[in-house]
């Protein structure tokens, strides 16, 4: 999630590549944005995809940007009680942080006049001004993208797509072999029966080729009299029954294999109790978290 759309050219391609949701805002994220996220999660659950949610928050290093992550966390905390009380959601500020501003030697700009949070912000971080995300990209091109990719990588199994493809091919091969063996058990295969029906149909058709346009109704009647439609329906039913009774042991579907990072210090964790979560908010407000 990001507080501005000016970094879209940097972040949107990365989110597309990693199949991550890109959620921009103009300033503070709206309540509807939080609710939409929770409903997306519910849609996954309804389709049997129970997955944890991890949100990385990107904002300017200024009083407003510093306040945005806990503000969003409190919105999530409030709405998930009614929408998704059992959800596994965590949120962590990713950029810009005071440490990043110092590490990359990013220049400060004056804080907006009238911002009532500026004194606490300056005291908490020991700074005289704010720093915008644009400064990081201007002075260190590609670094914001690298920070985002580095944060995402531990949650991805880069081998999963290949293993899924291999498992799909193996499953298709196994099913085809089982179907072939099933047909070999019968003296007359389904293909033989279908070929015989095709020959009978062609024999009927040959007698009507010159009059086909005018005799389409008679042709249909001839098919019915020949019993082709009934026999074809019976063949279809027999194939479906054979498929229903076909026992195939397919390979297990691969699952992601990742070593997750330590998330115990993240700003928000939906699994924490209220008092523990409150401690994390206070630590951030005091500049110790």
Protein backbone atom coordinates (compact mmCIF):
# COMPACT_ATOMS: atom_id res chain seq x y z
CA UNK A 1 0.00 0.00 0.00
CA UNK A 2 1.30 3.49 -0.77
CA UNK A 3 0.15 6.99 0.10
CA UNK A 4 0.71 8.48 -3.37
CA UNK A 5 0.50 7.48 -7.03
CA UNK A 6 3.74 9.18 -8.16
CA UNK A 7 5.66 5.91 -7.66
CA UNK A 8 3.28 3.89 -9.83
CA UNK A 9 5.83 3.44 -12.64
CA UNK A 10 8.21 1.89 -10.12
CA UNK A 11 5.90 -0.24 -8.01
CA UNK A 12 3.09 -1.35 -10.32
CA UNK A 13 5.31 -3.56 -12.57
CA UNK A 14 6.76 -5.22 -9.46
CA UNK A 15 3.32 -5.89 -8.00
CA UNK A 16 2.17 -7.37 -11.31
CA UNK A 17 5.22 -9.60 -11.50
CA UNK A 18 4.73 -10.91 -7.98
CA UNK A 19 0.89 -11.00 -8.20
CA UNK A 20 0.61 -8.57 -5.29
CA UNK A 21 -2.19 -6.05 -4.83
CA UNK A 22 -1.09 -2.47 -5.50
CA UNK A 23 -3.21 -0.10 -3.41
CA UNK A 24 -2.39 3.59 -3.96
CA UNK A 25 -4.04 6.52 -2.21
CA UNK A 26 -3.83 10.28 -2.18
CA UNK A 27 -2.81 10.91 1.38
CA UNK A 28 -4.56 8.80 4.01
CA UNK A 29 -6.03 5.51 2.83
CA UNK A 30 -9.82 5.58 2.85
CA UNK A 31 -11.95 3.37 5.04
CA UNK A 32 -13.49 1.85 1.91
CA UNK A 33 -10.01 0.73 0.81
CA UNK A 34 -9.63 -1.22 4.03
CA UNK A 35 -13.09 -2.74 3.70
CA UNK A 36 -12.41 -3.75 0.08
CA UNK A 37 -9.24 -5.54 1.19
CA UNK A 38 -11.15 -7.51 3.82
CA UNK A 39 -13.84 -8.47 1.31
CA UNK A 40 -11.13 -9.63 -1.14
CA UNK A 41 -9.86 -11.84 1.65
CA UNK A 42 -13.36 -13.23 2.21
CA UNK A 43 -13.66 -14.05 -1.50
CA UNK A 44 -10.46 -16.09 -1.26
CA UNK A 45 -11.80 -17.93 1.79
CA UNK A 46 -15.09 -18.73 0.03
CA UNK A 47 -13.13 -20.37 -2.79
CA UNK A 48 -11.08 -22.44 -0.34
CA UNK A 49 -7.95 -20.27 -0.53
CA UNK A 50 -7.22 -19.46 3.09
CA UNK A 51 -4.14 -17.28 2.93
CA UNK A 52 -2.53 -14.84 5.34
CA UNK A 53 -2.41 -11.16 4.37
CA UNK A 54 0.81 -9.20 4.58
CA UNK A 55 0.72 -5.44 3.94
CA UNK A 56 3.83 -3.36 3.35
CA UNK A 57 3.15 0.36 3.72
CA UNK A 58 5.09 2.95 1.71
CA UNK A 59 4.83 6.66 2.54
CA UNK A 60 6.81 9.87 2.79
CA UNK A 61 8.95 10.42 5.86
CA UNK A 62 6.91 13.24 7.36
CA UNK A 63 4.40 13.65 10.21
CA UNK A 64 1.47 12.50 8.05
CA UNK A 65 3.33 9.57 6.48
CA UNK A 66 4.58 8.46 9.88
CA UNK A 67 1.02 8.43 11.23
CA UNK A 68 -0.48 6.53 8.28
CA UNK A 69 0.61 2.93 9.12
CA UNK A 70 -0.87 2.92 12.65
CA UNK A 71 -3.96 4.71 11.32
CA UNK A 72 -4.52 2.00 8.69
CA UNK A 73 -3.74 -0.70 11.26
CA UNK A 74 -6.45 0.64 13.56
CA UNK A 75 -8.93 0.69 10.67
CA UNK A 76 -8.16 -2.96 9.92
CA UNK A 77 -8.36 -3.80 13.60
CA UNK A 78 -11.82 -2.24 13.83
CA UNK A 79 -13.42 -3.61 10.66
CA UNK A 80 -12.07 -7.16 10.73
CA UNK A 81 -14.09 -7.81 13.88
CA UNK A 82 -17.26 -7.72 11.79
CA UNK A 83 -15.96 -8.81 8.38
CA UNK A 84 -13.16 -11.32 8.95
CA UNK A 85 -12.57 -11.92 12.67
CA UNK A 86 -10.32 -14.95 12.10
CA UNK A 87 -8.12 -13.33 9.46
CA UNK A 88 -4.34 -13.51 9.68
CA UNK A 89 -3.32 -9.95 8.76
CA UNK A 90 -0.05 -8.17 9.48
CA UNK A 91 1.09 -4.69 8.47
CA UNK A 92 4.57 -3.21 8.52
CA UNK A 93 5.91 0.19 7.37
CA UNK A 94 8.46 -0.40 4.61
CA UNK A 95 9.58 3.04 3.46
CA UNK A 96 10.52 5.73 4.13
CA UNK A 97 11.93 5.21 7.59
CA UNK A 98 14.27 7.37 9.63
CA UNK A 99 17.02 4.78 9.17
CA UNK A 100 16.60 4.84 5.37
CA UNK A 101 16.70 8.63 5.25
CA UNK A 102 19.97 8.56 7.17
CA UNK A 103 21.44 5.63 5.23
CA UNK A 104 20.73 7.11 1.80
CA UNK A 105 21.54 10.67 2.95
CA UNK A 106 18.28 12.01 1.64
CA UNK A 107 17.79 15.79 1.86
CA UNK A 108 15.07 17.21 4.13
CA UNK A 109 12.38 19.67 3.13
CA UNK A 110 10.42 21.99 5.43
CA UNK A 111 7.42 20.45 7.14
CA UNK A 112 4.09 21.98 6.18
CA UNK A 113 3.12 24.91 8.34
CA UNK A 114 0.26 24.18 10.67
CA UNK A 115 0.90 20.44 10.93
CA UNK A 116 0.19 19.81 14.60
CA UNK A 117 2.18 16.58 14.53
CA UNK A 118 5.46 18.17 13.50
CA UNK A 119 6.86 18.86 16.97
CA UNK A 120 6.34 15.27 18.09
CA UNK A 121 7.76 14.01 14.78
CA UNK A 122 10.90 16.14 15.06
CA UNK A 123 11.44 15.15 18.68
CA UNK A 124 10.84 11.45 18.04
CA UNK A 125 13.31 11.15 15.17
CA UNK A 126 15.69 14.01 15.88
CA UNK A 127 15.16 15.65 12.47
CA UNK A 128 14.51 19.19 11.30
CA UNK A 129 12.40 18.39 8.25
CA UNK A 130 10.58 15.81 6.15
CA UNK A 131 11.74 13.66 3.22
CA UNK A 132 9.65 12.59 0.24
CA UNK A 133 9.73 9.23 -1.53
CA UNK A 134 10.59 11.04 -4.75
CA UNK A 135 13.97 11.98 -3.27
CA UNK A 136 14.92 8.31 -2.84
CA UNK A 137 14.07 7.51 -6.46
CA UNK A 138 15.75 10.67 -7.77
CA UNK A 139 19.04 10.15 -5.91
CA UNK A 140 19.04 6.34 -5.92
CA UNK A 141 17.09 5.16 -9.00
CA UNK A 142 15.61 1.70 -8.58
CA UNK A 143 16.30 1.53 -4.85
CA UNK A 144 12.64 1.76 -3.82
CA UNK A 145 11.85 -1.12 -6.15
CA UNK A 146 14.71 -3.12 -4.68
CA UNK A 147 13.42 -2.51 -1.14
CA UNK A 148 9.95 -3.72 -2.14
CA UNK A 149 11.25 -6.81 -3.94
CA UNK A 150 13.52 -7.67 -1.01
CA UNK A 151 10.54 -7.47 1.34
CA UNK A 152 8.37 -9.65 -0.91
CA UNK A 153 10.88 -12.36 -1.81
CA UNK A 154 10.74 -14.31 1.49
CA UNK A 155 7.03 -14.87 0.89
CA UNK A 156 7.50 -16.38 -2.56
CA UNK A 157 8.53 -19.83 -3.73
CA UNK A 158 10.12 -19.20 -7.12
CA UNK A 159 10.06 -22.93 -7.89
CA UNK A 160 6.30 -23.34 -7.32
CA UNK A 161 5.19 -22.44 -10.84
CA UNK A 162 7.62 -24.94 -12.37
CA UNK A 163 6.61 -27.66 -9.90
CA UNK A 164 2.91 -26.97 -10.53
CA UNK A 165 3.47 -27.33 -14.28
CA UNK A 166 5.35 -30.59 -13.78
CA UNK A 167 2.64 -31.94 -11.47
CA UNK A 168 -0.07 -30.98 -13.98
CA UNK A 169 1.75 -32.80 -16.78
CA UNK A 170 2.28 -35.84 -14.57
CA UNK A 171 -1.40 -35.85 -13.59
CA UNK A 172 -2.50 -35.68 -17.23
CA UNK A 173 -0.12 -38.49 -18.16
CA UNK A 174 -1.33 -40.65 -15.26
CA UNK A 175 -5.00 -40.04 -16.09
CA UNK A 176 -4.48 -40.82 -19.79
CA UNK A 177 -2.66 -44.05 -18.94
CA UNK A 178 -5.41 -45.10 -16.53
CA UNK A 179 -8.04 -44.34 -19.18
CA UNK A 180 -6.13 -46.35 -21.81
CA UNK A 181 -5.83 -49.32 -19.45
CA UNK A 182 -9.53 -49.06 -18.63
CA UNK A 183 -10.48 -49.28 -22.31
CA UNK A 184 -8.11 -52.21 -22.93
CA UNK A 185 -10.13 -54.23 -20.43
CA UNK A 186 -13.13 -54.20 -22.82
CA UNK A 187 -13.30 -56.25 -25.99
CA UNK A 188 -14.92 -53.32 -27.76
CA UNK A 189 -13.47 -49.91 -26.93
CA UNK A 190 -15.40 -46.66 -26.82
CA UNK A 191 -13.46 -45.54 -29.87
CA UNK A 192 -14.61 -48.65 -31.76
CA UNK A 193 -18.21 -47.92 -30.90
CA UNK A 194 -17.84 -44.28 -31.90
CA UNK A 195 -16.24 -45.27 -35.24
CA UNK A 196 -19.10 -47.69 -35.90
CA UNK A 197 -21.67 -44.98 -35.19
CA UNK A 198 -19.78 -42.57 -37.43
CA UNK A 199 -19.83 -45.08 -40.31
CA UNK A 200 -23.57 -45.67 -39.89
CA UNK A 201 -24.21 -41.93 -39.85
CA UNK A 202 -22.13 -41.41 -42.99
CA UNK A 203 -24.02 -44.23 -44.72
CA UNK A 204 -27.30 -42.50 -43.97
CA UNK A 205 -25.90 -39.14 -45.11
CA UNK A 206 -24.68 -40.53 -48.45
CA UNK A 207 -28.23 -41.32 -49.48
CA UNK A 208 -29.36 -37.74 -48.98
CA UNK A 209 -26.50 -35.64 -50.31
CA UNK A 210 -28.27 -34.53 -53.50
CA UNK A 211 -31.47 -33.59 -51.68
CA UNK A 212 -29.98 -32.40 -48.40
CA UNK A 213 -31.37 -28.87 -48.49
CA UNK A 214 -34.94 -29.99 -49.09
CA UNK A 215 -34.89 -33.16 -47.04
CA UNK A 216 -33.28 -32.04 -43.78
CA UNK A 217 -36.35 -33.05 -41.81
CA UNK A 218 -36.41 -36.50 -43.39
CA UNK A 219 -32.70 -36.83 -42.69
CA UNK A 220 -33.30 -36.15 -39.01
CA UNK A 221 -36.06 -38.74 -39.01
CA UNK A 222 -33.76 -41.25 -40.69
CA UNK A 223 -31.18 -40.68 -37.96
CA UNK A 224 -33.86 -41.34 -35.36
CA UNK A 225 -35.04 -44.48 -37.14
CA UNK A 226 -31.46 -45.74 -37.37
CA UNK A 227 -31.19 -45.30 -33.61
CA UNK A 228 -27.99 -43.26 -33.92
CA UNK A 229 -29.01 -40.53 -31.48
CA UNK A 230 -30.11 -43.04 -28.85
CA UNK A 231 -26.96 -45.11 -29.28
CA UNK A 232 -24.80 -41.96 -29.14
CA UNK A 233 -26.53 -40.87 -25.94
CA UNK A 234 -25.98 -44.35 -24.52
CA UNK A 235 -22.30 -44.19 -25.50
CA UNK A 236 -21.95 -40.81 -23.83
CA UNK A 237 -23.62 -42.16 -20.69
CA UNK A 238 -21.35 -45.22 -20.66
CA UNK A 239 -18.25 -43.04 -21.00
CA UNK A 240 -19.39 -40.78 -18.15
CA UNK A 241 -20.10 -43.83 -15.98
CA UNK A 242 -16.69 -45.27 -16.78
CA UNK A 243 -15.04 -41.97 -15.89
CA UNK A 244 -16.98 -41.80 -12.62
CA UNK A 245 -15.70 -45.27 -11.69
CA UNK A 246 -12.15 -44.62 -12.85
CA UNK A 247 -9.72 -44.65 -9.95
CA UNK A 248 -6.58 -42.62 -10.54
CA UNK A 249 -3.90 -41.89 -7.98
CA UNK A 250 -2.63 -38.46 -8.93
CA UNK A 251 0.58 -36.87 -7.62
CA UNK A 252 0.24 -34.47 -4.71
CA UNK A 253 -0.27 -30.84 -5.65
CA UNK A 254 2.88 -28.85 -4.84
CA UNK A 255 2.67 -26.20 -2.14
CA UNK A 256 4.87 -23.19 -1.59
CA UNK A 257 8.05 -23.87 0.36
CA UNK A 258 9.34 -20.67 1.94
CA UNK A 259 11.27 -19.74 5.06
CA UNK A 260 9.19 -16.88 6.42
CA UNK A 261 10.99 -13.96 8.07
CA UNK A 262 10.53 -13.03 11.71
CA UNK A 263 7.35 -10.93 11.88
CA UNK A 264 7.18 -10.56 15.66
CA UNK A 265 8.19 -6.88 15.53
CA UNK A 266 5.72 -5.85 12.83
CA UNK A 267 3.56 -2.86 13.66
CA UNK A 268 0.22 -4.69 13.34
CA UNK A 269 -0.73 -8.33 13.81
CA UNK A 270 -4.39 -9.35 13.82
CA UNK A 271 -3.54 -12.34 16.04
CA UNK A 272 -2.35 -10.16 18.94
CA UNK A 273 -4.63 -9.37 21.83
CA UNK A 274 -5.75 -5.76 22.26
CA UNK A 275 -3.32 -4.77 25.02
CA UNK A 276 -0.31 -6.29 23.27
CA UNK A 277 -1.19 -4.51 20.03
CA UNK A 278 -1.64 -1.26 21.92
CA UNK A 279 1.93 -1.60 23.17
CA UNK A 280 3.22 -1.69 19.58
CA UNK A 281 1.30 1.49 18.74
CA UNK A 282 2.72 3.23 21.82
CA UNK A 283 6.26 2.10 21.05
CA UNK A 284 6.00 3.57 17.56
CA UNK A 285 4.54 6.79 18.93
CA UNK A 286 7.45 7.01 21.37
CA UNK A 287 9.99 6.32 18.64
CA UNK A 288 11.05 2.98 20.12
CA UNK A 289 9.15 0.70 17.75
